[in-house]
Amino acid sequence: MDAILLEIKNKKVRLGQLHEARAIDARNIIEIQKHITELQIDIEENNYGQLGWLASLFWLSIGILGALWIRFCFLALGTGNNADYIMTAIFCLPGILVVWFVIYVMRDATSSRNQDKSNLLDLEKKINVLSESQDTTKKEKNFNLLKREIESLEKKYFEELVTHFTKIYDHNKNGKLDILENSDDFLKLLQENQDKILNISEKMGVEYIDPLVKIDEKLKLKKESLNLTLKKILEPKKNYDDKANIEIFEKFLKEEIQTYNVILTNSLFMASSLIANDRITFRRIYEKFDKLDMFNSNYENQTIELLSNVNENLVQLLTSIDNLNESISQSIADLSYVTEENSNELSIQLKKVNSSIDLNTLITGIGAYQNYKTNKNTKHLIS
């Protein structure tokens, strides 16, 4: 399964490169299109307008100078005076210079316009080449092909993820963790011994049923959040990366299960100690729960609300839940108070309610997991 994730990751890197290449081509086309628009505006407005103005000036100059020249010619012919001929010749020189200047400017403007037209044709050819090039078509084809390959791999990975979690945690495929089904043993224990608990409460002048029932509510909500976690993990995902894989999800789920088992074990010993009139053990566990605000279910309600939010990033959400569970688990995972007498007493009480809980396995599992966590943290600090 790691190989599939690695392949998805590599293909996504390649997809990103192709996306960037396509984006560069698109930016080039936009840039060329911008130049084309500027040239079109320049040709249509500036150059044509300038040429029109120059043409008007040219013909106006020709008309005025021509009329004046003819007038001087008639005067010179009429008088036959050499001075008039000289004045006519002198007057023609600036007129010729004005006409030449206008013609020169017109030619320059025409040349500039023709150059703009030439540049416009070149840019239009270039944009056509970019839009229709085989390289662009190949990039587009490869991009779409990679997208389909990634989608296929993600689907395959999700199918393997579902198979893995279903096989280990949900054999009957009902969307609930197998270890939590038919696990109302704590409530059964309270119901079986409620008369004893009430008698002790009356003697001590303390209401014990209420906190124990709240603990049961806590366990029920914890089971609900665990099942929601499994449901969220098994929901189809749009993307898979190294932060959203089977190993990460399983780590979170195991941490959640560990927290539930720790709460359950302490709850069972708490109730059993009260029933057996072991006030010291009962009080030790009660104080632990009270410091953690365990008799208040607000946190579990918030967790369930977050897990029900379809827009929440699952990895971020599970990380937040895991951080809080870590503090809870560490605070009450110490079962050093448990003696052989405590265990025997609880085992007898669980048998009376036909409990399916294997107490020794539960306690051993908590101890083994705590040792694993301790060793892992120690290795991390050393490295």
Protein backbone atom coordinates (compact mmCIF):
# COMPACT_ATOMS: atom_id res chain seq x y z
CA MET A 1 0.00 0.00 0.00
CA ASP A 2 2.95 2.31 0.61
CA ALA A 3 4.02 1.62 -2.97
CA ILE A 4 0.66 2.90 -4.24
CA LEU A 5 0.97 6.07 -2.17
CA LEU A 6 4.52 6.62 -3.43
CA GLU A 7 3.35 6.17 -7.01
CA ILE A 8 0.49 8.63 -6.45
CA LYS A 9 2.93 11.12 -4.94
CA ASN A 10 5.36 10.82 -7.87
CA LYS A 11 2.60 11.16 -10.43
CA LYS A 12 1.25 14.22 -8.63
CA VAL A 13 4.69 15.79 -8.81
CA ARG A 14 4.74 15.12 -12.56
CA LEU A 15 1.18 16.44 -12.82
CA GLY A 16 2.27 19.63 -11.08
CA GLN A 17 5.15 20.04 -13.53
CA LEU A 18 2.81 19.59 -16.49
CA HIS A 19 0.35 22.01 -14.96
CA GLU A 20 3.11 24.60 -14.61
CA ALA A 21 4.22 24.02 -18.23
CA ARG A 22 0.63 24.48 -19.40
CA ALA A 23 0.34 27.61 -17.28
CA ILE A 24 3.53 29.03 -18.87
CA ASP A 25 2.11 28.39 -22.35
CA ALA A 26 -1.15 30.04 -21.34
CA ARG A 27 0.71 33.05 -19.91
CA ASN A 28 2.74 33.34 -23.13
CA ILE A 29 -0.43 33.29 -25.21
CA ILE A 30 -2.02 35.94 -22.97
CA GLU A 31 1.11 38.11 -23.23
CA ILE A 32 1.17 37.82 -27.02
CA GLN A 33 -2.54 38.55 -27.19
CA LYS A 34 -1.90 41.68 -25.12
CA HIS A 35 0.75 42.87 -27.62
CA ILE A 36 -1.61 42.11 -30.50
CA THR A 37 -4.32 44.24 -28.92
CA GLU A 38 -1.88 47.10 -28.34
CA LEU A 39 -0.69 46.99 -31.95
CA GLN A 40 -4.23 46.91 -33.25
CA ILE A 41 -5.09 49.99 -31.21
CA ASP A 42 -1.91 51.73 -32.37
CA ILE A 43 -2.59 50.96 -36.02
CA GLU A 44 -6.28 51.83 -35.94
CA GLU A 45 -6.10 54.99 -33.82
CA ASN A 46 -2.65 56.58 -33.67
CA ASN A 47 -1.11 55.94 -37.08
CA TYR A 48 -4.27 56.31 -39.14
CA GLY A 49 -5.17 59.47 -37.28
CA GLN A 50 -1.69 60.91 -37.78
CA LEU A 51 -1.67 60.05 -41.47
CA GLY A 52 -5.06 61.64 -41.96
CA TRP A 53 -3.88 64.84 -40.27
CA LEU A 54 -0.67 64.89 -42.34
CA ALA A 55 -2.57 64.28 -45.55
CA SER A 56 -4.88 67.23 -44.78
CA LEU A 57 -1.87 69.40 -43.97
CA PHE A 58 -0.14 68.31 -47.18
CA TRP A 59 -3.04 69.21 -49.44
CA LEU A 60 -3.70 72.46 -47.59
CA SER A 61 -0.03 73.46 -47.98
CA ILE A 62 -0.10 72.58 -51.68
CA GLY A 63 -3.27 74.60 -52.19
CA ILE A 64 -2.07 77.75 -50.39
CA LEU A 65 1.46 77.68 -51.78
CA GLY A 66 0.17 76.90 -55.28
CA ALA A 67 -2.27 79.79 -55.19
CA LEU A 68 0.38 82.21 -53.93
CA TRP A 69 2.92 81.00 -56.47
CA ILE A 70 0.47 81.47 -59.34
CA ARG A 71 -0.31 84.94 -58.05
CA PHE A 72 3.38 85.90 -57.98
CA CYS A 73 3.87 84.44 -61.45
CA PHE A 74 1.07 86.61 -62.86
CA LEU A 75 2.52 89.66 -61.17
CA ALA A 76 5.99 88.94 -62.57
CA LEU A 77 4.62 88.36 -66.07
CA GLY A 78 2.48 91.44 -65.87
CA THR A 79 5.28 93.77 -64.83
CA GLY A 80 8.16 92.03 -66.57
CA ASN A 81 10.23 93.15 -63.61
CA ASN A 82 13.23 90.94 -62.81
CA ALA A 83 12.74 91.62 -59.10
CA ASP A 84 9.31 90.02 -59.25
CA TYR A 85 10.82 86.94 -60.91
CA ILE A 86 13.41 86.74 -58.17
CA MET A 87 10.70 87.08 -55.44
CA THR A 88 8.68 84.34 -57.08
CA ALA A 89 11.72 82.02 -57.11
CA ILE A 90 12.62 82.86 -53.51
CA PHE A 91 9.04 82.25 -52.35
CA CYS A 92 9.04 78.78 -53.97
CA LEU A 93 11.99 77.56 -51.85
CA PRO A 94 10.27 77.55 -48.41
CA GLY A 95 7.14 76.20 -50.04
CA ILE A 96 9.12 73.31 -51.47
CA LEU A 97 10.74 72.73 -48.04
CA VAL A 98 7.32 72.63 -46.31
CA VAL A 99 5.97 70.15 -48.86
CA TRP A 100 9.10 68.01 -48.52
CA PHE A 101 8.81 68.00 -44.73
CA VAL A 102 5.16 66.95 -44.86
CA ILE A 103 5.96 64.20 -47.36
CA TYR A 104 8.86 63.00 -45.15
CA VAL A 105 6.70 62.83 -42.05
CA MET A 106 3.96 61.01 -43.98
CA ARG A 107 6.46 58.45 -45.24
CA ASP A 108 7.80 57.92 -41.71
CA ALA A 109 4.30 57.45 -40.30
CA THR A 110 3.41 55.07 -43.12
CA SER A 111 6.61 53.10 -42.51
CA SER A 112 5.81 52.87 -38.78
CA ARG A 113 2.30 51.69 -39.56
CA ASN A 114 3.53 49.09 -42.01
CA GLN A 115 6.06 47.86 -39.38
CA ASP A 116 3.27 47.55 -36.83
CA LYS A 117 1.22 45.59 -39.35
CA SER A 118 4.17 43.31 -40.01
CA ASN A 119 4.70 42.79 -36.27
CA LEU A 120 0.99 42.12 -35.87
CA LEU A 121 1.09 39.40 -38.53
CA ASP A 122 4.14 37.83 -36.86
CA LEU A 123 2.46 37.79 -33.45
CA GLU A 124 -0.75 36.32 -34.90
CA LYS A 125 1.29 33.56 -36.54
CA LYS A 126 3.16 32.94 -33.27
CA ILE A 127 -0.03 32.68 -31.22
CA ASN A 128 -1.50 30.26 -33.75
CA VAL A 129 1.65 28.14 -33.60
CA LEU A 130 1.54 28.10 -29.77
CA SER A 131 -2.17 27.25 -29.69
CA GLU A 132 -1.92 24.47 -32.27
CA SER A 133 1.59 23.13 -31.61
CA GLN A 134 2.09 19.40 -31.11
CA ASP A 135 3.95 20.12 -27.86
CA THR A 136 0.93 21.89 -26.39
CA THR A 137 -1.37 19.09 -27.52
CA LYS A 138 1.02 16.53 -26.05
CA LYS A 139 1.15 18.36 -22.72
CA GLU A 140 -2.64 18.51 -22.57
CA LYS A 141 -2.92 14.82 -23.44
CA ASN A 142 -0.31 13.80 -20.86
CA PHE A 143 -1.93 16.00 -18.22
CA ASN A 144 -5.35 14.40 -18.68
CA LEU A 145 -3.80 10.92 -18.82
CA LEU A 146 -1.93 11.49 -15.54
CA LYS A 147 -5.10 12.78 -13.88
CA ARG A 148 -6.95 9.60 -14.84
CA GLU A 149 -4.05 7.43 -13.64
CA ILE A 150 -3.96 9.23 -10.28
CA GLU A 151 -7.74 8.90 -9.89
CA SER A 152 -7.45 5.18 -10.64
CA LEU A 153 -4.63 4.72 -8.10
CA GLU A 154 -6.51 6.69 -5.44
CA LYS A 155 -9.57 4.51 -6.01
CA LYS A 156 -7.43 1.40 -5.69
CA TYR A 157 -5.81 2.71 -2.52
CA PHE A 158 -9.18 3.57 -1.00
CA GLU A 159 -10.46 0.07 -1.75
CA GLU A 160 -7.43 -1.40 0.03
CA LEU A 161 -7.94 1.00 2.94
CA VAL A 162 -11.57 -0.10 3.32
CA THR A 163 -10.56 -3.77 3.09
CA HIS A 164 -7.85 -3.29 5.72
CA PHE A 165 -10.00 -1.50 8.30
CA THR A 166 -13.04 -3.67 7.68
CA LYS A 167 -11.02 -6.87 8.09
CA ILE A 168 -9.41 -5.78 11.35
CA TYR A 169 -12.05 -3.58 13.01
CA ASP A 170 -15.45 -4.31 11.45
CA HIS A 171 -15.90 -7.95 10.43
CA ASN A 172 -19.66 -7.74 10.02
CA LYS A 173 -19.34 -4.52 7.95
CA ASN A 174 -22.00 -2.64 9.90
CA GLY A 175 -19.88 0.49 10.22
CA LYS A 176 -19.17 -0.05 13.94
CA LEU A 177 -16.04 -1.21 15.71
CA ASP A 178 -16.36 -4.87 16.67
CA ILE A 179 -14.77 -4.33 20.09
CA LEU A 180 -17.51 -1.85 21.02
CA GLU A 181 -20.51 -3.96 20.12
CA ASN A 182 -22.50 -5.39 23.03
CA SER A 183 -20.21 -3.56 25.45
CA ASP A 184 -22.65 -2.15 27.99
CA ASP A 185 -21.00 -4.09 30.81
CA PHE A 186 -20.37 -1.02 32.96
CA LEU A 187 -24.07 -0.14 32.99
CA LYS A 188 -24.96 -3.79 33.66
CA LEU A 189 -22.60 -3.75 36.62
CA LEU A 190 -24.29 -0.62 38.00
CA GLN A 191 -27.79 -2.03 37.51
CA GLU A 192 -26.84 -5.35 39.13
CA ASN A 193 -25.47 -3.58 42.20
CA GLN A 194 -27.50 -0.41 42.44
CA ASP A 195 -29.03 -1.40 45.78
CA LYS A 196 -25.56 -1.79 47.32
CA ILE A 197 -24.46 1.54 45.81
CA LEU A 198 -27.58 3.27 47.18
CA ASN A 199 -27.02 1.80 50.64
CA ILE A 200 -23.40 2.98 50.68
CA SER A 201 -24.52 6.42 49.44
CA GLU A 202 -27.04 6.68 52.29
CA LYS A 203 -24.49 5.63 54.91
CA MET A 204 -21.85 8.05 53.64
CA GLY A 205 -24.30 10.85 52.86
CA VAL A 206 -22.82 11.14 49.36
CA GLU A 207 -24.61 10.61 46.04
CA TYR A 208 -22.54 8.01 44.14
CA ILE A 209 -25.05 6.89 41.52
CA ASP A 210 -24.98 10.24 39.72
CA PRO A 211 -21.20 10.35 38.95
CA LEU A 212 -21.20 6.68 37.98
CA VAL A 213 -24.08 7.24 35.54
CA LYS A 214 -22.20 10.21 34.09
CA ILE A 215 -19.21 7.94 33.55
CA ASP A 216 -21.50 5.56 31.64
CA GLU A 217 -22.68 8.48 29.50
CA LYS A 218 -19.03 9.34 28.88
CA LEU A 219 -18.33 5.78 27.72
CA LYS A 220 -21.33 5.81 25.40
CA LEU A 221 -20.26 9.09 23.83
CA LYS A 222 -16.73 7.79 23.50
CA LYS A 223 -18.03 4.75 21.64
CA GLU A 224 -20.05 7.02 19.37
CA SER A 225 -17.01 9.16 18.57
CA LEU A 226 -14.95 6.01 17.91
CA ASN A 227 -17.54 4.68 15.46
CA LEU A 228 -17.71 8.10 13.81
CA THR A 229 -13.93 8.07 13.46
CA LEU A 230 -14.12 4.71 11.69
CA LYS A 231 -16.92 6.01 9.48
CA LYS A 232 -14.90 9.11 8.54
CA ILE A 233 -11.86 7.00 7.72
CA LEU A 234 -13.93 4.79 5.43
CA GLU A 235 -15.51 7.72 3.59
CA PRO A 236 -14.21 8.22 0.01
CA LYS A 237 -11.48 10.85 -0.16
CA LYS A 238 -10.65 13.16 -3.06
CA ASN A 239 -6.92 13.10 -2.42
CA TYR A 240 -4.40 10.87 -0.70
CA ASP A 241 -1.00 11.94 0.54
CA ASP A 242 1.57 10.99 3.13
CA LYS A 243 -0.53 12.69 5.81
CA ALA A 244 -3.69 10.73 5.03
CA ASN A 245 -2.75 7.07 4.70
CA ILE A 246 -3.66 3.79 6.35
CA GLU A 247 -0.81 3.93 8.86
CA ILE A 248 -1.71 7.43 10.02
CA PHE A 249 -5.41 6.63 10.33
CA GLU A 250 -4.72 3.38 12.16
CA LYS A 251 -2.45 5.16 14.63
CA PHE A 252 -5.24 7.62 15.44
CA LEU A 253 -7.82 4.84 15.76
CA LYS A 254 -5.59 2.79 18.08
CA GLU A 255 -5.01 5.86 20.24
CA GLU A 256 -8.77 6.40 20.46
CA ILE A 257 -9.38 2.76 21.35
CA GLN A 258 -6.60 2.93 23.95
CA THR A 259 -8.22 5.99 25.55
CA TYR A 260 -11.59 4.21 25.63
CA ASN A 261 -10.05 1.08 27.20
CA VAL A 262 -8.28 3.17 29.85
CA ILE A 263 -11.49 5.00 30.76
CA LEU A 264 -13.47 1.73 30.76
CA THR A 265 -10.95 -0.12 32.94
CA ASN A 266 -10.77 2.67 35.52
CA SER A 267 -14.56 2.97 35.48
CA LEU A 268 -15.02 -0.74 36.13
CA PHE A 269 -12.53 -0.73 39.01
CA MET A 270 -14.13 2.44 40.39
CA ALA A 271 -17.60 0.83 40.48
CA SER A 272 -16.24 -2.50 41.70
CA SER A 273 -14.32 -0.85 44.55
CA LEU A 274 -17.43 0.98 45.72
CA ILE A 275 -19.48 -2.20 45.56
CA ALA A 276 -16.79 -4.07 47.55
CA ASN A 277 -16.67 -1.17 50.03
CA ASP A 278 -13.04 -0.42 49.10
CA ARG A 279 -13.37 3.33 49.66
CA ILE A 280 -9.67 4.11 49.23
CA THR A 281 -9.36 2.66 45.71
CA PHE A 282 -12.71 4.20 44.78
CA ARG A 283 -11.57 7.62 45.97
CA ARG A 284 -8.23 7.42 44.16
CA ILE A 285 -9.94 6.75 40.84
CA TYR A 286 -12.69 9.30 41.53
CA GLU A 287 -10.12 12.04 42.14
CA LYS A 288 -8.36 11.21 38.87
CA PHE A 289 -11.62 11.44 36.95
CA ASP A 290 -12.64 14.63 38.72
CA LYS A 291 -9.34 16.39 37.86
CA LEU A 292 -9.87 15.50 34.20
CA ASP A 293 -13.45 16.77 34.33
CA MET A 294 -14.48 13.27 33.33
CA PHE A 295 -17.97 13.74 34.77
CA ASN A 296 -18.60 16.44 32.17
CA SER A 297 -19.30 15.18 28.63
CA ASN A 298 -18.87 18.51 26.82
CA TYR A 299 -15.61 17.44 25.19
CA GLU A 300 -17.10 14.25 23.76
CA ASN A 301 -20.10 16.17 22.44
CA GLN A 302 -17.76 18.64 20.73
CA THR A 303 -15.73 15.77 19.29
CA ILE A 304 -18.85 14.15 17.83
CA GLU A 305 -19.93 17.50 16.39
CA LEU A 306 -16.53 17.98 14.74
CA LEU A 307 -16.51 14.45 13.35
CA SER A 308 -19.92 15.10 11.86
CA ASN A 309 -18.61 18.13 9.98
CA VAL A 310 -18.06 17.04 6.36
CA ASN A 311 -15.82 20.03 5.62
CA GLU A 312 -13.33 19.35 8.42
CA ASN A 313 -9.87 18.16 7.42
CA LEU A 314 -9.80 14.65 8.89
CA VAL A 315 -6.07 14.49 9.63
CA GLN A 316 -6.10 17.87 11.39
CA LEU A 317 -9.22 16.91 13.32
CA LEU A 318 -7.84 13.54 14.43
CA THR A 319 -4.58 15.20 15.43
CA SER A 320 -6.48 17.61 17.70
CA ILE A 321 -8.50 14.75 19.21
CA ASP A 322 -5.36 12.65 19.63
CA ASN A 323 -3.57 15.43 21.50
CA LEU A 324 -6.34 15.66 24.07
CA ASN A 325 -6.72 11.90 24.32
CA GLU A 326 -3.00 11.67 24.97
CA SER A 327 -3.34 13.81 28.08
CA ILE A 328 -6.37 11.83 29.28
CA SER A 329 -4.77 8.47 28.63
CA GLN A 330 -1.49 9.42 30.30
CA SER A 331 -3.29 10.79 33.37
CA ILE A 332 -5.32 7.67 34.15
CA ALA A 333 -3.39 4.88 32.41
CA ASP A 334 -1.41 4.14 35.57
CA LEU A 335 -3.11 1.04 37.00
CA SER A 336 -0.59 0.57 39.80
CA TYR A 337 -3.45 0.73 42.30
CA VAL A 338 -4.81 -2.55 40.91
CA THR A 339 -4.11 -5.49 43.20
CA GLU A 340 -4.82 -9.15 42.74
CA GLU A 341 -7.69 -8.76 45.18
CA ASN A 342 -9.14 -5.89 43.09
CA SER A 343 -8.88 -7.94 39.92
CA ASN A 344 -10.45 -11.03 41.44
CA GLU A 345 -13.32 -9.00 42.88
CA LEU A 346 -14.03 -7.28 39.55
CA SER A 347 -13.77 -10.56 37.61
CA ILE A 348 -16.39 -12.11 39.91
CA GLN A 349 -18.71 -9.11 39.47
CA LEU A 350 -18.31 -9.18 35.67
CA LYS A 351 -19.18 -12.88 35.54
CA LYS A 352 -22.40 -12.15 37.41
CA VAL A 353 -23.52 -9.84 34.57
CA ASN A 354 -22.31 -12.26 31.86
CA SER A 355 -19.69 -9.78 30.69
CA SER A 356 -17.66 -10.57 27.59
CA ILE A 357 -14.73 -8.52 28.90
CA ASP A 358 -11.48 -10.39 29.47
CA LEU A 359 -10.12 -8.30 32.32
CA ASN A 360 -6.58 -9.71 32.24
CA THR A 361 -6.32 -9.07 28.49
CA LEU A 362 -7.64 -5.54 28.94
CA ILE A 363 -5.14 -4.69 31.71
CA THR A 364 -2.24 -6.36 29.89
CA GLY A 365 -3.10 -4.49 26.68
CA ILE A 366 -3.10 -1.12 28.46
CA GLY A 367 0.26 -1.88 30.11
CA ALA A 368 1.83 -3.05 26.85
CA TYR A 369 0.62 0.00 24.95
CA GLN A 370 1.90 2.34 27.64
CA ASN A 371 5.31 0.65 27.55
CA TYR A 372 5.34 0.99 23.78
CA LYS A 373 4.53 4.70 24.02
CA THR A 374 7.15 5.24 26.73
CA ASN A 375 9.87 3.42 24.74
CA LYS A 376 8.94 5.31 21.60
CA ASN A 377 9.13 8.67 23.36
CA THR A 378 12.43 7.73 24.99
CA LYS A 379 13.96 6.75 21.63
CA HIS A 380 12.71 10.02 20.15
CA LEU A 381 14.39 12.04 22.92
CA ILE A 382 17.67 10.08 22.57
CA SER A 383 17.77 10.52 18.78
